[in-house]
Amino acid sequence: MMRRAHLSLTFAVALGLPACEASNGDENETDAPATTTGEDGSGGTTPTTTSPSTTGPVDCIAGQETCACLENNCIGTLECVNDICVPGPEFDIPDDPIRVIAGLRVPIDSEILADEFSWAQTGGPNANVTGIDTQSPLVDVPAGASGGDVLTFTLTAIRNEVEVTADVTIEIVEANFEEGLPMIMDPEQLGTPNTVSFRGGQLWAVMDEGFVSWFDLDFDDKLGEEVAVHMGRHDIPGAPFGARMGQVPDRDDDIDVLLIANAGNQALESLTLNGGNIETLSDETVDAEPLGAVRHLIQMDGEIYMTNGEGGQLLVWDPSPPNDDDGGGTTGGEPPIPAGTRVLLSDLVMPSAIITGPEDGFLYLGVAGEVLRVPILETGEAGQPSVYLSFGDNADPNLIVDGLQFDRANNLYVGVPLEDRLVVARYAAGEETEVIRDIDTAGADFSDFGGLRFGDDDFGGATLYYGNAGGRVGRVFVGLGN
């Protein structure tokens, strides 16, 4: 909600607004129209007014907006400038410190009503700031900032010659990797989680042992700490790996399901959340070849994209390909694209985690040592991939990417489980970016970073959750969610 600032003021040149004048009761005098203002008190031009009197009509009351001041005072948050009551700047900025880990690009989300305004860094480690003259500048927090550092940014806003300043702070916190499902010890409830998903304030974890469990978080008054509660389990034959909440494309039933890449069954499957019914959506390509050990998936624009790491493939299951209305192919004279699963890209080096990106029509795909940006064309085919991020040798089998996640400021988090690394990169539109921070957690618990997802509700929208090969779910607070 926008609020009027009522702080120490600095006044510049006079506004030249007329003071209120008393009516003399002359029958030829015409009353001036009132000014129409918005709900926030800002509005039209200054009216011609008359002051209160017992002998004539009242059009302006001393102390109100655009009227004469009442003994140098005004009503509410109005300010007296040259004996006229005027509104000063109004703004909505973060009241509490913005808490983030070092290295992120952080937006200062604000709304400002002013004639002019500017931002300036006035404290803390020097940071690069873009959009310094916009309502929501972007701050590149230094990767070397330490936990406890505070960056201060001062807003200076001027309206009706009233100048006000206010501060926004960004507080740096350490990356603390911890137990994501505290007090869950039963392997029948939590096996070896490969990926996690969220729905309605509950965490769903897909286990390598062939089942999915879902959990809630609660606070135990006796223990005085947060605990997880096991809510239920569905068995899934095979070796389920990647999973995401969604709906089966090209259906009108509006039923929420868990979409599953089942490496053991070499199939794309769906699991109804209520009842646990499993349906095989695809187990072979349109060329009658097996899908292979698919392990990651993402849904975009009515299609489901999957990766087969061992086969080096990016696949798509498309129940309604974009063919011409006349039954021909995507371009004149070509045969129609068949419905089903098609191979989009081959000869990739250990393709794994896959997500949609900030731009429409692009996928981001983890391969060994790199993240690729893959355009998806209107024809339904994949364009030429380009390297978006490189973080090591693209032939190193230890650099498989099992977790990818963008936050709301488009910072990218890359999980590299076999090296216990969490890589962070800031967004670069249409070009290659670079590693801003490489968090090496060797020797620490909860550092596999498989299937990175942001939590919701009680699980915290600014916290990353992930599966661990050690049979636990880990989490780390980063400060910005999606």
Protein backbone atom coordinates (compact mmCIF):
# COMPACT_ATOMS: atom_id res chain seq x y z
CA MET A 1 0.00 0.00 0.00
CA MET A 2 1.35 3.45 -0.93
CA ARG A 3 2.12 5.61 2.08
CA ARG A 4 2.83 9.29 2.38
CA ALA A 5 6.21 10.09 3.83
CA HIS A 6 6.17 12.45 6.81
CA LEU A 7 9.85 12.88 7.56
CA SER A 8 12.31 15.79 7.82
CA LEU A 9 11.73 17.98 4.76
CA THR A 10 13.85 20.19 2.53
CA PHE A 11 12.02 22.82 0.52
CA ALA A 12 13.18 24.24 -2.80
CA VAL A 13 11.62 27.01 -4.92
CA ALA A 14 8.16 28.35 -4.20
CA LEU A 15 5.22 26.65 -5.84
CA GLY A 16 3.48 29.93 -6.61
CA LEU A 17 0.12 28.54 -5.47
CA PRO A 18 -2.52 31.13 -4.54
CA ALA A 19 -3.61 31.44 -0.95
CA CYS A 20 -7.24 31.19 0.01
CA GLU A 21 -9.24 34.41 -0.45
CA ALA A 22 -12.42 35.32 1.40
CA SER A 23 -15.62 35.92 -0.56
CA ASN A 24 -17.06 39.43 -0.30
CA GLY A 25 -20.55 38.20 -1.03
CA ASP A 26 -20.70 40.00 -4.40
CA GLU A 27 -23.59 38.55 -6.41
CA ASN A 28 -21.48 38.69 -9.59
CA GLU A 29 -18.76 36.46 -8.15
CA THR A 30 -18.64 32.91 -9.56
CA ASP A 31 -17.53 30.01 -7.40
CA ALA A 32 -14.39 28.22 -8.68
CA PRO A 33 -14.72 24.50 -9.40
CA ALA A 34 -13.20 22.04 -6.95
CA THR A 35 -10.24 19.90 -7.90
CA THR A 36 -10.84 16.19 -8.54
CA THR A 37 -8.29 14.06 -6.72
CA GLY A 38 -7.57 10.32 -6.58
CA GLU A 39 -7.92 8.15 -3.54
CA ASP A 40 -4.27 8.69 -2.72
CA GLY A 41 -4.76 12.46 -2.44
CA SER A 42 -2.93 13.31 -5.64
CA GLY A 43 -4.84 14.92 -8.42
CA GLY A 44 -5.55 17.83 -10.67
CA THR A 45 -4.37 21.39 -10.82
CA THR A 46 -4.64 23.95 -8.01
CA PRO A 47 -8.13 25.51 -7.93
CA THR A 48 -9.11 29.09 -7.41
CA THR A 49 -10.48 29.04 -3.88
CA THR A 50 -12.26 31.08 -1.28
CA SER A 51 -11.54 31.01 2.44
CA PRO A 52 -14.04 30.22 5.15
CA SER A 53 -16.24 33.10 6.19
CA THR A 54 -19.60 33.71 7.71
CA THR A 55 -20.70 35.90 4.85
CA GLY A 56 -20.15 33.73 1.80
CA PRO A 57 -19.81 30.16 0.47
CA VAL A 58 -16.87 27.99 1.55
CA ASP A 59 -14.82 26.37 -1.24
CA CYS A 60 -11.52 25.77 0.56
CA ILE A 61 -10.85 24.94 4.19
CA ALA A 62 -7.56 26.01 5.65
CA GLY A 63 -5.28 23.04 6.29
CA GLN A 64 -6.66 20.87 3.49
CA GLU A 65 -4.86 19.93 0.26
CA THR A 66 -4.15 22.94 -2.03
CA CYS A 67 -5.62 25.28 0.55
CA ALA A 68 -3.89 27.78 2.81
CA CYS A 69 -2.02 26.41 5.79
CA LEU A 70 -3.62 26.71 9.20
CA GLU A 71 -1.02 28.44 11.36
CA ASN A 72 1.73 26.72 9.33
CA ASN A 73 0.08 23.30 9.80
CA CYS A 74 -1.86 20.98 7.51
CA ILE A 75 -4.21 18.05 7.96
CA GLY A 76 -2.73 14.55 8.16
CA THR A 77 0.46 14.02 6.17
CA LEU A 78 0.13 17.15 4.04
CA GLU A 79 3.01 19.61 4.23
CA CYS A 80 2.90 23.38 4.38
CA VAL A 81 4.92 24.88 1.52
CA ASN A 82 4.73 28.66 1.01
CA ASP A 83 1.52 28.75 3.05
CA ILE A 84 -0.14 26.11 0.83
CA CYS A 85 -0.89 22.52 1.94
CA VAL A 86 0.49 20.00 -0.55
CA PRO A 87 1.16 16.22 -0.56
CA GLY A 88 4.74 15.05 -0.49
CA PRO A 89 6.14 11.90 -2.11
CA GLU A 90 4.35 8.60 -1.55
CA PHE A 91 6.08 5.25 -1.82
CA ASP A 92 5.85 1.58 -0.99
CA ILE A 93 9.29 0.08 -0.32
CA PRO A 94 10.45 -2.95 1.70
CA ASP A 95 10.22 -2.19 5.42
CA ASP A 96 12.21 -5.22 6.57
CA PRO A 97 15.73 -6.09 5.45
CA ILE A 98 15.91 -8.19 2.27
CA ARG A 99 17.78 -11.32 3.40
CA VAL A 100 19.73 -13.18 0.69
CA ILE A 101 22.88 -15.23 0.20
CA ALA A 102 25.86 -13.51 -1.40
CA GLY A 103 26.22 -13.34 -5.18
CA LEU A 104 22.57 -12.93 -6.18
CA ARG A 105 21.02 -10.23 -8.33
CA VAL A 106 18.37 -8.73 -6.06
CA PRO A 107 15.45 -6.51 -7.12
CA ILE A 108 14.33 -3.70 -4.82
CA ASP A 109 10.60 -3.88 -5.50
CA SER A 110 8.96 -0.51 -4.92
CA GLU A 111 6.18 1.84 -6.03
CA ILE A 112 6.95 5.55 -6.00
CA LEU A 113 4.67 8.57 -6.59
CA ALA A 114 6.94 11.57 -7.02
CA ASP A 115 7.92 14.27 -9.49
CA GLU A 116 11.46 12.91 -9.44
CA PHE A 117 13.43 10.34 -7.48
CA SER A 118 16.80 8.60 -7.36
CA TRP A 119 18.55 5.72 -5.59
CA ALA A 120 22.08 5.66 -4.19
CA GLN A 121 24.07 3.10 -2.24
CA THR A 122 24.94 4.62 1.12
CA GLY A 123 26.36 1.67 3.05
CA GLY A 124 27.90 -1.80 2.91
CA PRO A 125 30.15 -3.56 0.38
CA ASN A 126 30.12 -1.84 -3.02
CA ALA A 127 27.55 -3.38 -5.37
CA ASN A 128 26.81 -2.87 -9.04
CA VAL A 129 23.29 -1.45 -9.48
CA THR A 130 21.34 -1.32 -12.74
CA GLY A 131 18.14 0.66 -13.23
CA ILE A 132 19.25 3.20 -10.64
CA ASP A 133 16.68 5.67 -12.02
CA THR A 134 13.80 3.17 -12.08
CA GLN A 135 11.26 2.26 -9.41
CA SER A 136 12.78 -1.23 -8.94
CA PRO A 137 16.58 -1.20 -9.39
CA LEU A 138 18.58 -4.44 -9.54
CA VAL A 139 21.44 -4.91 -7.09
CA ASP A 140 24.26 -7.35 -7.85
CA VAL A 141 25.27 -8.45 -4.38
CA PRO A 142 29.03 -9.13 -4.31
CA ALA A 143 29.83 -12.84 -4.27
CA GLY A 144 32.46 -12.18 -1.62
CA ALA A 145 30.09 -10.52 0.82
CA SER A 146 30.06 -12.13 4.26
CA GLY A 147 27.17 -13.21 6.43
CA GLY A 148 26.03 -10.24 8.48
CA ASP A 149 27.05 -7.62 5.90
CA VAL A 150 24.35 -5.03 5.27
CA LEU A 151 24.01 -3.07 2.04
CA THR A 152 22.02 0.17 2.37
CA PHE A 153 20.29 1.96 -0.49
CA THR A 154 18.74 5.39 -0.01
CA LEU A 155 15.72 6.59 -1.96
CA THR A 156 15.43 10.35 -2.46
CA ALA A 157 12.02 11.42 -3.74
CA ILE A 158 10.64 14.90 -4.50
CA ARG A 159 7.02 15.89 -5.02
CA ASN A 160 5.60 19.40 -4.89
CA GLU A 161 9.06 20.57 -3.81
CA VAL A 162 8.88 18.31 -0.73
CA GLU A 163 12.00 16.13 -0.51
CA VAL A 164 12.04 12.89 1.48
CA THR A 165 14.63 10.16 1.95
CA ALA A 166 14.15 6.54 3.05
CA ASP A 167 16.44 3.50 3.30
CA VAL A 168 16.18 -0.07 2.06
CA THR A 169 18.65 -2.65 3.37
CA ILE A 170 19.90 -5.97 2.00
CA GLU A 171 21.24 -8.32 4.67
CA ILE A 172 23.64 -11.10 3.69
CA VAL A 173 23.11 -14.56 5.20
CA GLU A 174 25.35 -17.60 4.97
CA ALA A 175 24.26 -20.57 2.85
CA ASN A 176 23.22 -23.04 5.53
CA PHE A 177 22.47 -26.57 4.28
CA GLU A 178 20.14 -28.44 6.61
CA GLU A 179 17.56 -31.17 7.04
CA GLY A 180 14.45 -30.47 4.97
CA LEU A 181 12.20 -33.08 6.59
CA PRO A 182 13.20 -33.08 10.26
CA MET A 183 12.37 -36.16 12.37
CA ILE A 184 11.46 -38.42 9.40
CA MET A 185 13.58 -41.55 9.91
CA ASP A 186 11.44 -44.46 8.64
CA PRO A 187 12.78 -45.73 5.26
CA GLU A 188 9.24 -46.85 4.41
CA GLN A 189 8.29 -43.19 4.48
CA LEU A 190 11.46 -41.62 3.10
CA GLY A 191 13.77 -43.76 0.99
CA THR A 192 16.30 -42.26 -1.43
CA PRO A 193 14.61 -39.12 -2.79
CA ASN A 194 15.57 -38.20 -6.35
CA THR A 195 13.37 -35.13 -6.79
CA VAL A 196 10.82 -33.14 -4.80
CA SER A 197 7.68 -31.24 -5.81
CA PHE A 198 5.18 -29.06 -3.97
CA ARG A 199 1.40 -28.86 -4.00
CA GLY A 200 -0.97 -27.19 -1.57
CA GLY A 201 1.64 -26.68 1.11
CA GLN A 202 2.89 -30.29 1.00
CA LEU A 203 6.21 -31.71 -0.18
CA TRP A 204 6.10 -34.76 -2.48
CA ALA A 205 9.31 -36.80 -2.72
CA VAL A 206 9.93 -39.44 -5.41
CA MET A 207 12.01 -42.35 -4.13
CA ASP A 208 14.47 -44.45 -6.10
CA GLU A 209 13.07 -47.52 -4.30
CA GLY A 210 9.78 -47.18 -6.21
CA PHE A 211 7.34 -45.04 -4.24
CA VAL A 212 6.32 -41.44 -3.61
CA SER A 213 5.56 -39.97 -0.19
CA TRP A 214 4.15 -36.62 0.76
CA PHE A 215 4.82 -34.61 3.90
CA ASP A 216 3.67 -31.59 5.86
CA LEU A 217 5.57 -29.38 8.30
CA ASP A 218 4.40 -28.67 11.84
CA PHE A 219 5.78 -27.24 15.06
CA ASP A 220 6.19 -29.59 18.01
CA ASP A 221 5.49 -27.62 21.20
CA LYS A 222 7.12 -30.26 23.42
CA LEU A 223 10.31 -30.38 21.38
CA GLY A 224 10.19 -26.68 20.70
CA GLU A 225 11.16 -27.20 17.08
CA GLU A 226 9.87 -27.80 13.58
CA VAL A 227 9.04 -31.38 12.58
CA ALA A 228 7.87 -33.04 9.37
CA VAL A 229 4.75 -35.20 9.29
CA HIS A 230 4.33 -38.12 6.86
CA MET A 231 0.92 -37.79 5.20
CA GLY A 232 0.81 -40.74 2.81
CA ARG A 233 2.50 -42.93 0.21
CA HIS A 234 1.83 -44.38 -3.26
CA ASP A 235 3.88 -47.23 -4.73
CA ILE A 236 5.31 -46.72 -8.23
CA PRO A 237 6.79 -49.81 -9.94
CA GLY A 238 10.14 -49.34 -11.67
CA ALA A 239 12.68 -46.66 -10.78
CA PRO A 240 10.87 -43.30 -10.76
CA PHE A 241 13.25 -40.36 -10.90
CA GLY A 242 12.18 -36.92 -12.12
CA ALA A 243 8.67 -35.70 -11.33
CA ARG A 244 6.65 -32.49 -11.52
CA MET A 245 3.12 -31.46 -10.64
CA GLY A 246 0.90 -30.76 -13.63
CA GLN A 247 -1.91 -32.03 -15.82
CA VAL A 248 -1.88 -34.44 -18.73
CA PRO A 249 -1.76 -32.32 -21.92
CA ASP A 250 -4.62 -32.28 -24.42
CA ARG A 251 -7.25 -33.36 -21.91
CA ASP A 252 -10.22 -31.48 -20.55
CA ASP A 253 -10.56 -33.35 -17.26
CA ASP A 254 -8.65 -30.69 -15.25
CA ILE A 255 -7.18 -33.39 -13.02
CA ASP A 256 -3.92 -32.64 -11.20
CA VAL A 257 -1.33 -35.39 -11.51
CA LEU A 258 2.29 -36.07 -10.76
CA LEU A 259 4.11 -36.42 -14.08
CA ILE A 260 6.93 -38.96 -13.71
CA ALA A 261 10.01 -39.84 -15.73
CA ASN A 262 10.44 -43.51 -14.81
CA ALA A 263 13.96 -44.67 -15.66
CA GLY A 264 13.24 -48.26 -14.64
CA ASN A 265 10.17 -48.60 -16.85
CA GLN A 266 11.69 -46.40 -19.58
CA ALA A 267 8.40 -44.55 -19.67
CA LEU A 268 6.61 -41.27 -19.13
CA GLU A 269 3.88 -41.83 -16.55
CA SER A 270 1.24 -39.93 -14.62
CA LEU A 271 0.07 -40.55 -11.06
CA THR A 272 -3.31 -39.25 -9.89
CA LEU A 273 -2.81 -37.53 -6.56
CA ASN A 274 -6.14 -38.73 -5.23
CA GLY A 275 -6.18 -42.50 -5.53
CA GLY A 276 -2.69 -43.17 -6.83
CA ASN A 277 -3.69 -44.50 -10.24
CA ILE A 278 -0.72 -44.82 -12.62
CA GLU A 279 -1.05 -44.32 -16.37
CA THR A 280 1.67 -44.86 -18.95
CA LEU A 281 1.58 -41.89 -21.30
CA SER A 282 4.45 -43.03 -23.51
CA ASP A 283 7.00 -45.86 -23.53
CA GLU A 284 8.32 -45.63 -27.08
CA THR A 285 9.07 -43.06 -29.75
CA VAL A 286 7.09 -42.55 -32.94
CA ASP A 287 9.80 -44.70 -34.58
CA ALA A 288 8.94 -47.57 -32.20
CA GLU A 289 12.20 -47.17 -30.26
CA PRO A 290 12.22 -47.39 -26.43
CA LEU A 291 12.43 -44.09 -24.58
CA GLY A 292 15.44 -45.24 -22.64
CA ALA A 293 16.15 -44.38 -19.00
CA VAL A 294 14.36 -41.02 -18.86
CA ARG A 295 15.15 -39.20 -15.62
CA HIS A 296 14.10 -35.55 -15.89
CA LEU A 297 11.12 -33.78 -17.41
CA ILE A 298 9.39 -30.41 -17.78
CA GLN A 299 6.00 -29.41 -19.18
CA MET A 300 5.79 -26.44 -21.57
CA ASP A 301 3.02 -25.26 -23.92
CA GLY A 302 1.12 -28.54 -23.98
CA GLU A 303 4.16 -30.79 -24.44
CA ILE A 304 6.32 -32.73 -22.01
CA TYR A 305 10.07 -32.67 -22.57
CA MET A 306 12.31 -35.43 -21.20
CA THR A 307 16.00 -36.29 -21.09
CA ASN A 308 17.60 -39.70 -21.61
CA GLY A 309 21.07 -39.31 -20.15
CA GLU A 310 22.53 -42.63 -21.27
CA GLY A 311 21.17 -42.18 -24.79
CA GLY A 312 22.24 -38.52 -25.01
CA GLN A 313 18.76 -37.43 -26.09
CA LEU A 314 16.24 -34.66 -25.57
CA LEU A 315 12.73 -36.02 -26.27
CA VAL A 316 9.26 -34.51 -26.42
CA TRP A 317 5.88 -36.14 -25.91
CA ASP A 318 3.45 -34.15 -28.01
CA PRO A 319 -0.15 -35.42 -28.21
CA SER A 320 -1.15 -32.59 -30.62
CA PRO A 321 1.71 -31.59 -32.96
CA PRO A 322 1.50 -28.16 -34.70
CA ASN A 323 0.48 -29.36 -38.18
CA ASP A 324 -1.19 -27.31 -40.92
CA ASP A 325 -4.99 -27.22 -40.97
CA ASP A 326 -5.02 -28.92 -44.36
CA GLY A 327 -3.34 -32.00 -42.93
CA GLY A 328 0.09 -31.23 -44.32
CA GLY A 329 3.29 -30.80 -42.34
CA THR A 330 4.57 -27.76 -40.50
CA THR A 331 5.84 -26.33 -43.78
CA GLY A 332 4.21 -26.75 -47.17
CA GLY A 333 4.64 -30.15 -48.76
CA GLU A 334 6.21 -31.88 -45.77
CA PRO A 335 4.50 -34.85 -44.11
CA PRO A 336 2.62 -34.18 -40.87
CA ILE A 337 4.37 -34.57 -37.54
CA PRO A 338 3.02 -37.68 -35.81
CA ALA A 339 1.57 -37.47 -32.33
CA GLY A 340 3.64 -39.18 -29.66
CA THR A 341 7.23 -39.01 -28.46
CA ARG A 342 9.88 -37.67 -30.82
CA VAL A 343 13.64 -37.27 -30.47
CA LEU A 344 14.49 -33.57 -30.72
CA LEU A 345 18.24 -33.65 -30.08
CA SER A 346 20.81 -36.45 -30.06
CA ASP A 347 24.49 -36.87 -29.23
CA LEU A 348 24.26 -34.71 -26.11
CA VAL A 349 26.76 -35.39 -23.34
CA MET A 350 24.82 -36.81 -20.40
CA PRO A 351 21.72 -34.57 -20.62
CA SER A 352 19.90 -34.38 -17.32
CA ALA A 353 17.99 -31.63 -15.50
CA ILE A 354 15.70 -29.48 -17.66
CA ILE A 355 13.61 -26.35 -16.96
CA THR A 356 11.84 -23.51 -18.72
CA GLY A 357 13.57 -20.15 -18.64
CA PRO A 358 12.74 -16.45 -18.40
CA GLU A 359 12.02 -16.24 -22.15
CA ASP A 360 9.06 -17.87 -23.86
CA GLY A 361 9.95 -20.75 -26.17
CA PHE A 362 13.28 -21.70 -24.61
CA LEU A 363 14.41 -24.65 -22.52
CA TYR A 364 17.48 -24.76 -20.30
CA LEU A 365 19.16 -28.14 -20.31
CA GLY A 366 21.94 -29.42 -18.08
CA VAL A 367 24.69 -31.46 -19.70
CA ALA A 368 28.12 -32.39 -18.38
CA GLY A 369 29.85 -29.18 -17.27
CA GLU A 370 27.37 -26.90 -19.05
CA VAL A 371 23.86 -25.53 -19.21
CA LEU A 372 22.48 -25.19 -22.73
CA ARG A 373 19.79 -22.78 -23.96
CA VAL A 374 17.56 -24.63 -26.44
CA PRO A 375 15.05 -22.76 -28.63
CA ILE A 376 11.80 -24.59 -29.37
CA LEU A 377 10.52 -23.49 -32.78
CA GLU A 378 6.91 -22.95 -33.81
CA THR A 379 7.24 -26.08 -35.93
CA GLY A 380 7.67 -28.10 -32.74
CA GLU A 381 11.30 -28.83 -33.52
CA ALA A 382 14.36 -27.81 -31.52
CA GLY A 383 16.64 -25.09 -32.82
CA GLN A 384 20.40 -25.00 -32.47
CA PRO A 385 21.42 -25.12 -28.77
CA SER A 386 23.86 -22.56 -27.43
CA VAL A 387 25.98 -22.65 -24.28
CA TYR A 388 24.35 -20.53 -21.59
CA LEU A 389 26.71 -21.43 -18.74
CA SER A 390 29.97 -23.35 -18.59
CA PHE A 391 31.31 -24.49 -15.23
CA GLY A 392 33.78 -27.28 -16.09
CA ASP A 393 34.98 -29.94 -18.48
CA ASN A 394 32.05 -31.00 -20.69
CA ALA A 395 33.45 -34.52 -20.87
CA ASP A 396 33.71 -35.01 -17.10
CA PRO A 397 31.10 -37.58 -15.95
CA ASN A 398 31.24 -36.11 -12.44
CA LEU A 399 29.75 -32.84 -13.72
CA ILE A 400 26.27 -34.18 -14.41
CA VAL A 401 23.60 -31.58 -13.60
CA ASP A 402 20.76 -33.05 -11.53
CA GLY A 403 19.21 -29.77 -10.40
CA LEU A 404 18.27 -26.55 -12.23
CA GLN A 405 16.13 -23.71 -10.88
CA PHE A 406 15.58 -20.03 -11.70
CA ASP A 407 14.37 -17.62 -8.99
CA ARG A 408 12.12 -14.60 -9.56
CA ALA A 409 15.12 -12.38 -10.38
CA ASN A 410 16.29 -15.02 -12.89
CA ASN A 411 19.34 -16.09 -10.90
CA LEU A 412 20.12 -19.69 -11.92
CA TYR A 413 20.99 -22.41 -9.40
CA VAL A 414 22.78 -25.48 -10.75
CA GLY A 415 23.08 -28.64 -8.64
CA VAL A 416 26.09 -30.89 -9.31
CA PRO A 417 25.58 -33.83 -6.91
CA LEU A 418 28.69 -35.90 -7.67
CA GLU A 419 30.90 -32.97 -6.68
CA ASP A 420 28.72 -31.58 -3.86
CA ARG A 421 28.50 -28.22 -5.66
CA LEU A 422 25.81 -25.58 -5.96
CA VAL A 423 26.64 -23.17 -8.80
CA VAL A 424 25.00 -19.73 -9.02
CA ALA A 425 24.81 -17.54 -12.14
CA ARG A 426 23.01 -14.25 -12.86
CA TYR A 427 20.76 -13.93 -15.88
CA ALA A 428 22.11 -12.82 -19.25
CA ALA A 429 19.51 -12.27 -21.99
CA GLY A 430 20.39 -13.97 -25.26
CA GLU A 431 24.03 -14.55 -24.42
CA GLU A 432 26.33 -16.69 -22.31
CA THR A 433 26.50 -15.94 -18.62
CA GLU A 434 29.21 -16.82 -16.09
CA VAL A 435 29.55 -18.45 -12.71
CA ILE A 436 29.10 -15.83 -10.01
CA ARG A 437 29.45 -18.18 -7.09
CA ASP A 438 30.44 -21.82 -6.80
CA ILE A 439 29.44 -23.09 -3.38
CA ASP A 440 31.63 -26.09 -2.60
CA THR A 441 30.06 -28.06 0.24
CA ALA A 442 32.40 -31.06 0.24
CA GLY A 443 32.15 -32.86 3.56
CA ALA A 444 28.86 -31.19 4.50
CA ASP A 445 25.53 -32.96 4.89
CA PHE A 446 22.63 -32.38 2.52
CA SER A 447 24.74 -31.40 -0.50
CA ASP A 448 23.58 -33.56 -3.41
CA PHE A 449 21.22 -30.93 -4.92
CA GLY A 450 19.09 -33.30 -6.99
CA GLY A 451 15.82 -31.94 -8.40
CA LEU A 452 16.06 -28.40 -7.01
CA ARG A 453 12.67 -26.84 -6.24
CA PHE A 454 11.49 -23.81 -4.29
CA GLY A 455 9.19 -24.57 -1.39
CA ASP A 456 5.73 -23.12 -0.83
CA ASP A 457 3.57 -22.18 2.16
CA ASP A 458 5.04 -23.66 5.36
CA PHE A 459 8.08 -24.88 3.45
CA GLY A 460 9.18 -21.33 2.67
CA GLY A 461 9.05 -19.84 -0.83
CA ALA A 462 12.59 -18.46 -0.58
CA THR A 463 14.12 -21.83 0.34
CA LEU A 464 15.49 -24.39 -2.13
CA TYR A 465 14.66 -28.05 -1.45
CA TYR A 466 16.36 -31.02 -3.09
CA GLY A 467 16.81 -34.78 -2.96
CA ASN A 468 19.89 -36.40 -1.46
CA ALA A 469 21.46 -39.74 -2.36
CA GLY A 470 22.06 -40.26 1.35
CA GLY A 471 18.34 -40.80 1.92
CA ARG A 472 17.42 -37.32 3.12
CA VAL A 473 15.79 -34.16 1.75
CA GLY A 474 17.98 -31.09 2.07
CA ARG A 475 17.21 -27.39 2.01
CA VAL A 476 19.02 -24.05 1.89
CA PHE A 477 17.57 -20.57 2.32
CA VAL A 478 18.66 -18.32 -0.56
CA GLY A 479 16.29 -15.38 -0.10
CA LEU A 480 14.49 -15.18 -3.46
CA GLY A 481 11.82 -17.66 -4.55
CA ASN A 482 10.05 -18.11 -7.85
